[in-house]
Amino acid sequence: MIAKKRFLLLVVVTFLAFSWISCSTTKTSGTKSVVDSYVGKWKYEAPDMPDDNTGVLVISKVEDGYSCLALTDGGNEQAIDIEIVDGKLIGSWDDGMGTKVEMSGVFEGKELSGTLAIDVYEIAYSATKIE
């Protein structure tokens, strides 16, 4: 009788342990894939820009959303205030000469494409996730 009770207790404990492990793994992996889809390094090209038309966008997750740093192949850095909602990126920065640059784009898998609006000009850009 005691052996039967021990066996049943072992079965219940084992079942509970496996249930707990499978639930916690699902929650973690489900959240991670959504959060990390935009985060990383994106190699960009804006062929119609006169200077600094290639480089890397580094998108990071921060407490209240995302941050972006543009590292040009010419050696310049530009912090960009961005927001990403439903696969759409919007952002802006001041070019240092009083002109606001507005950035918009759409993520499609490992591709990002959009435009930079500077005064009355719109310049197309594209980027591919590299990390």
Protein backbone atom coordinates (compact mmCIF):
# COMPACT_ATOMS: atom_id res chain seq x y z
CA MET A 1 0.00 0.00 0.00
CA ILE A 2 2.81 2.42 0.87
CA ALA A 3 4.61 1.59 -2.37
CA LYS A 4 1.44 2.36 -4.36
CA LYS A 5 1.08 5.78 -2.64
CA ARG A 6 4.75 6.60 -3.32
CA PHE A 7 4.34 5.65 -6.95
CA LEU A 8 1.25 7.85 -7.36
CA LEU A 9 3.04 10.76 -5.61
CA LEU A 10 6.02 10.35 -7.97
CA VAL A 11 3.69 10.38 -11.02
CA VAL A 12 1.94 13.56 -9.83
CA VAL A 13 5.23 15.37 -9.05
CA THR A 14 6.70 14.38 -12.42
CA PHE A 15 3.58 15.58 -14.26
CA LEU A 16 3.63 18.93 -12.45
CA ALA A 17 7.34 19.42 -13.12
CA PHE A 18 6.97 18.77 -16.87
CA SER A 19 3.90 21.03 -17.06
CA TRP A 20 5.75 23.89 -15.37
CA ILE A 21 8.83 23.53 -17.62
CA SER A 22 6.80 23.46 -20.85
CA CYS A 23 4.70 26.50 -19.87
CA SER A 24 7.67 28.66 -18.90
CA THR A 25 9.58 27.79 -22.07
CA THR A 26 6.63 28.71 -24.30
CA LYS A 27 6.16 32.10 -22.66
CA THR A 28 9.84 33.05 -22.95
CA SER A 29 10.35 31.95 -26.55
CA GLY A 30 7.04 33.49 -27.69
CA THR A 31 7.92 36.91 -26.27
CA LYS A 32 11.54 36.88 -27.49
CA SER A 33 10.73 36.32 -31.16
CA VAL A 34 8.37 39.30 -31.26
CA VAL A 35 10.66 41.67 -29.35
CA ASP A 36 13.83 40.91 -31.33
CA SER A 37 12.48 41.11 -34.88
CA TYR A 38 13.54 44.76 -35.39
CA VAL A 39 16.55 44.82 -33.06
CA GLY A 40 19.97 44.49 -34.68
CA LYS A 41 22.20 45.94 -37.36
CA TRP A 42 20.77 46.92 -40.73
CA LYS A 43 23.07 47.72 -43.67
CA TYR A 44 21.48 50.66 -45.48
CA GLU A 45 21.89 52.39 -48.82
CA ALA A 46 20.40 55.71 -49.98
CA PRO A 47 21.85 56.09 -53.50
CA ASP A 48 20.44 59.59 -54.10
CA MET A 49 22.07 61.09 -50.99
CA PRO A 50 25.06 63.26 -51.92
CA ASP A 51 27.13 62.23 -48.85
CA ASP A 52 27.07 59.38 -46.34
CA ASN A 53 24.73 57.33 -48.51
CA THR A 54 25.75 53.94 -47.08
CA GLY A 55 26.23 52.63 -43.58
CA VAL A 56 24.60 50.71 -40.75
CA LEU A 57 21.49 51.43 -38.69
CA VAL A 58 21.77 49.97 -35.19
CA ILE A 59 18.30 49.47 -33.70
CA SER A 60 18.12 48.67 -29.98
CA LYS A 61 15.28 47.93 -27.59
CA VAL A 62 14.95 50.48 -24.78
CA GLU A 63 12.49 50.73 -21.90
CA ASP A 64 9.92 52.85 -23.74
CA GLY A 65 10.38 51.54 -27.30
CA TYR A 66 13.36 51.55 -29.65
CA SER A 67 16.44 53.65 -30.29
CA CYS A 68 18.43 53.96 -33.50
CA LEU A 69 21.97 55.02 -34.27
CA ALA A 70 23.04 55.59 -37.88
CA LEU A 71 26.71 54.85 -38.50
CA THR A 72 27.74 56.09 -41.95
CA ASP A 73 30.55 54.53 -43.94
CA GLY A 74 32.01 58.07 -43.97
CA GLY A 75 32.52 57.88 -40.21
CA ASN A 76 29.61 60.03 -39.02
CA GLU A 77 27.14 59.04 -36.30
CA GLN A 78 23.55 60.23 -35.96
CA ALA A 79 21.12 59.35 -33.17
CA ILE A 80 17.58 59.03 -34.52
CA ASP A 81 14.41 59.22 -32.43
CA ILE A 82 12.28 56.35 -33.76
CA GLU A 83 9.02 54.59 -33.12
CA ILE A 84 8.07 51.21 -34.54
CA VAL A 85 4.41 50.20 -34.63
CA ASP A 86 3.01 47.22 -36.56
CA GLY A 87 6.12 46.92 -38.74
CA LYS A 88 6.20 50.63 -39.61
CA LEU A 89 9.09 52.86 -38.61
CA ILE A 90 8.87 56.61 -38.16
CA GLY A 91 11.67 58.81 -36.91
CA SER A 92 13.30 62.20 -37.10
CA TRP A 93 16.40 64.17 -36.26
CA ASP A 94 17.86 67.64 -36.66
CA ASP A 95 20.66 67.78 -39.23
CA GLY A 96 22.65 70.24 -37.12
CA MET A 97 21.85 73.16 -39.43
CA GLY A 98 18.27 73.64 -38.30
CA THR A 99 16.66 71.28 -40.80
CA LYS A 100 14.47 68.46 -39.56
CA VAL A 101 14.94 65.14 -41.33
CA GLU A 102 11.98 62.77 -41.20
CA MET A 103 12.40 59.05 -41.76
CA SER A 104 9.69 56.51 -42.53
CA GLY A 105 9.88 52.87 -43.52
CA VAL A 106 8.29 49.45 -43.54
CA PHE A 107 9.85 46.21 -42.30
CA GLU A 108 9.29 43.07 -44.36
CA GLY A 109 11.21 40.20 -42.77
CA LYS A 110 14.88 41.10 -42.98
CA GLU A 111 14.28 44.04 -45.30
CA LEU A 112 13.49 47.68 -44.49
CA SER A 113 12.60 50.26 -47.12
CA GLY A 114 11.35 53.80 -46.94
CA THR A 115 12.08 57.47 -47.46
CA LEU A 116 13.96 60.35 -45.87
CA ALA A 117 12.12 63.67 -46.14
CA ILE A 118 14.32 66.76 -46.04
CA ASP A 119 12.44 70.01 -46.64
CA VAL A 120 10.67 69.35 -49.96
CA TYR A 121 12.94 66.47 -51.02
CA GLU A 122 12.26 62.77 -50.54
CA ILE A 123 15.10 60.29 -50.81
CA ALA A 124 14.51 56.53 -50.96
CA TYR A 125 16.57 54.15 -48.85
CA SER A 126 16.68 50.41 -48.28
CA ALA A 127 18.30 48.26 -45.62
CA THR A 128 18.97 44.58 -45.00
CA LYS A 129 19.39 43.03 -41.55
CA ILE A 130 22.95 41.78 -41.10
CA GLU A 131 22.90 40.87 -37.37
